[in-house]
Amino acid sequence: MARQPRPDRETLPGIADIRITADEATTALIVDALRREFTITSPRPYSGGRSYLRLDTGNTAPDGDRQ
């Protein structure tokens, strides 16, 4: 059976979009922990206790599914 074509990725390898739903103190603890291990953007706060940030794992390996 032939493999179905897959659409191009919309994100870069090694980049994760993170959503945190927590109070400010908990969000700050999580951001501090992530910042110790990864390169991250500053969290963007939204209503409802949500914050969004991007995390770079540094993975620049080629996508093995693409040829």
C-alpha atoms as a PDB file:
ATOM      1  CA  MET A   1       0.000   0.000   0.000  1.00  0.00           C
ATOM      2  CA  ALA A   2       1.436   3.381  -1.027  1.00  0.00           C
ATOM      3  CA  ARG A   3       2.050   5.983   1.600  1.00  0.00           C
ATOM      4  CA  GLN A   4      -0.341   8.940   1.527  1.00  0.00           C
ATOM      5  CA  PRO A   5       1.285  12.307   0.815  1.00  0.00           C
ATOM      6  CA  ARG A   6       1.410  14.455   3.893  1.00  0.00           C
ATOM      7  CA  PRO A   7       1.042  18.233   3.992  1.00  0.00           C
ATOM      8  CA  ASP A   8       4.081  20.409   4.652  1.00  0.00           C
ATOM      9  CA  ARG A   9       4.798  21.143   8.308  1.00  0.00           C
ATOM     10  CA  GLU A  10       3.609  24.462   9.638  1.00  0.00           C
ATOM     11  CA  THR A  11       6.273  24.619  12.361  1.00  0.00           C
ATOM     12  CA  LEU A  12      10.019  24.175  12.464  1.00  0.00           C
ATOM     13  CA  PRO A  13      11.586  21.006  13.897  1.00  0.00           C
ATOM     14  CA  GLY A  14      12.445  21.446  17.530  1.00  0.00           C
ATOM     15  CA  ILE A  15       9.936  24.245  18.216  1.00  0.00           C
ATOM     16  CA  ALA A  16       7.074  23.558  20.617  1.00  0.00           C
ATOM     17  CA  ASP A  17       4.066  25.799  21.193  1.00  0.00           C
ATOM     18  CA  ILE A  18       3.216  25.619  24.903  1.00  0.00           C
ATOM     19  CA  ARG A  19      -0.010  26.648  26.648  1.00  0.00           C
ATOM     20  CA  ILE A  20       0.023  26.974  30.420  1.00  0.00           C
ATOM     21  CA  THR A  21      -3.265  27.301  32.310  1.00  0.00           C
ATOM     22  CA  ALA A  22      -2.432  28.306  35.869  1.00  0.00           C
ATOM     23  CA  ASP A  23      -2.262  31.229  38.269  1.00  0.00           C
ATOM     24  CA  GLU A  24       0.613  33.719  37.964  1.00  0.00           C
ATOM     25  CA  ALA A  25       2.768  32.110  40.664  1.00  0.00           C
ATOM     26  CA  THR A  26       2.500  28.630  39.157  1.00  0.00           C
ATOM     27  CA  THR A  27       3.105  29.973  35.659  1.00  0.00           C
ATOM     28  CA  ALA A  28       6.258  31.732  36.912  1.00  0.00           C
ATOM     29  CA  LEU A  29       7.556  28.478  38.449  1.00  0.00           C
ATOM     30  CA  ILE A  30       6.957  26.553  35.232  1.00  0.00           C
ATOM     31  CA  VAL A  31       8.559  29.254  33.084  1.00  0.00           C
ATOM     32  CA  ASP A  32      11.621  29.373  35.364  1.00  0.00           C
ATOM     33  CA  ALA A  33      12.012  25.582  35.158  1.00  0.00           C
ATOM     34  CA  LEU A  34      11.680  25.576  31.360  1.00  0.00           C
ATOM     35  CA  ARG A  35      14.094  28.499  31.004  1.00  0.00           C
ATOM     36  CA  ARG A  36      16.808  26.561  32.902  1.00  0.00           C
ATOM     37  CA  GLU A  37      16.775  23.793  30.273  1.00  0.00           C
ATOM     38  CA  PHE A  38      15.534  25.413  27.047  1.00  0.00           C
ATOM     39  CA  THR A  39      15.452  28.631  25.086  1.00  0.00           C
ATOM     40  CA  ILE A  40      11.925  29.993  25.427  1.00  0.00           C
ATOM     41  CA  THR A  41       9.985  33.107  24.503  1.00  0.00           C
ATOM     42  CA  SER A  42       8.417  35.278  27.171  1.00  0.00           C
ATOM     43  CA  PRO A  43       4.936  33.972  27.987  1.00  0.00           C
ATOM     44  CA  ARG A  44       2.043  35.935  26.481  1.00  0.00           C
ATOM     45  CA  PRO A  45      -0.799  36.126  29.011  1.00  0.00           C
ATOM     46  CA  TYR A  46      -4.420  35.741  27.876  1.00  0.00           C
ATOM     47  CA  SER A  47      -7.718  35.753  29.726  1.00  0.00           C
ATOM     48  CA  GLY A  48      -8.735  32.763  31.820  1.00  0.00           C
ATOM     49  CA  GLY A  49      -5.279  32.236  33.335  1.00  0.00           C
ATOM     50  CA  ARG A  50      -3.749  31.046  30.075  1.00  0.00           C
ATOM     51  CA  SER A  51      -0.250  31.890  28.894  1.00  0.00           C
ATOM     52  CA  TYR A  52       1.370  30.899  25.615  1.00  0.00           C
ATOM     53  CA  LEU A  53       5.055  30.563  24.817  1.00  0.00           C
ATOM     54  CA  ARG A  54       7.371  28.852  22.363  1.00  0.00           C
ATOM     55  CA  LEU A  55      10.160  26.476  23.349  1.00  0.00           C
ATOM     56  CA  ASP A  56      13.208  25.707  21.205  1.00  0.00           C
ATOM     57  CA  THR A  57      14.729  22.285  21.852  1.00  0.00           C
ATOM     58  CA  GLY A  58      17.570  23.004  19.465  1.00  0.00           C
ATOM     59  CA  ASN A  59      16.647  20.050  17.258  1.00  0.00           C
ATOM     60  CA  THR A  60      17.723  20.846  13.716  1.00  0.00           C
ATOM     61  CA  ALA A  61      17.757  17.254  12.459  1.00  0.00           C
ATOM     62  CA  PRO A  62      16.032  16.760   9.109  1.00  0.00           C
ATOM     63  CA  ASP A  63      12.518  15.348   9.089  1.00  0.00           C
ATOM     64  CA  GLY A  64      12.927  11.611   8.448  1.00  0.00           C
ATOM     65  CA  ASP A  65       9.491  11.390   6.834  1.00  0.00           C
ATOM     66  CA  ARG A  66      10.436  13.796   4.043  1.00  0.00           C
ATOM     67  CA  GLN A  67      12.570  12.726   1.133  1.00  0.00           C
END
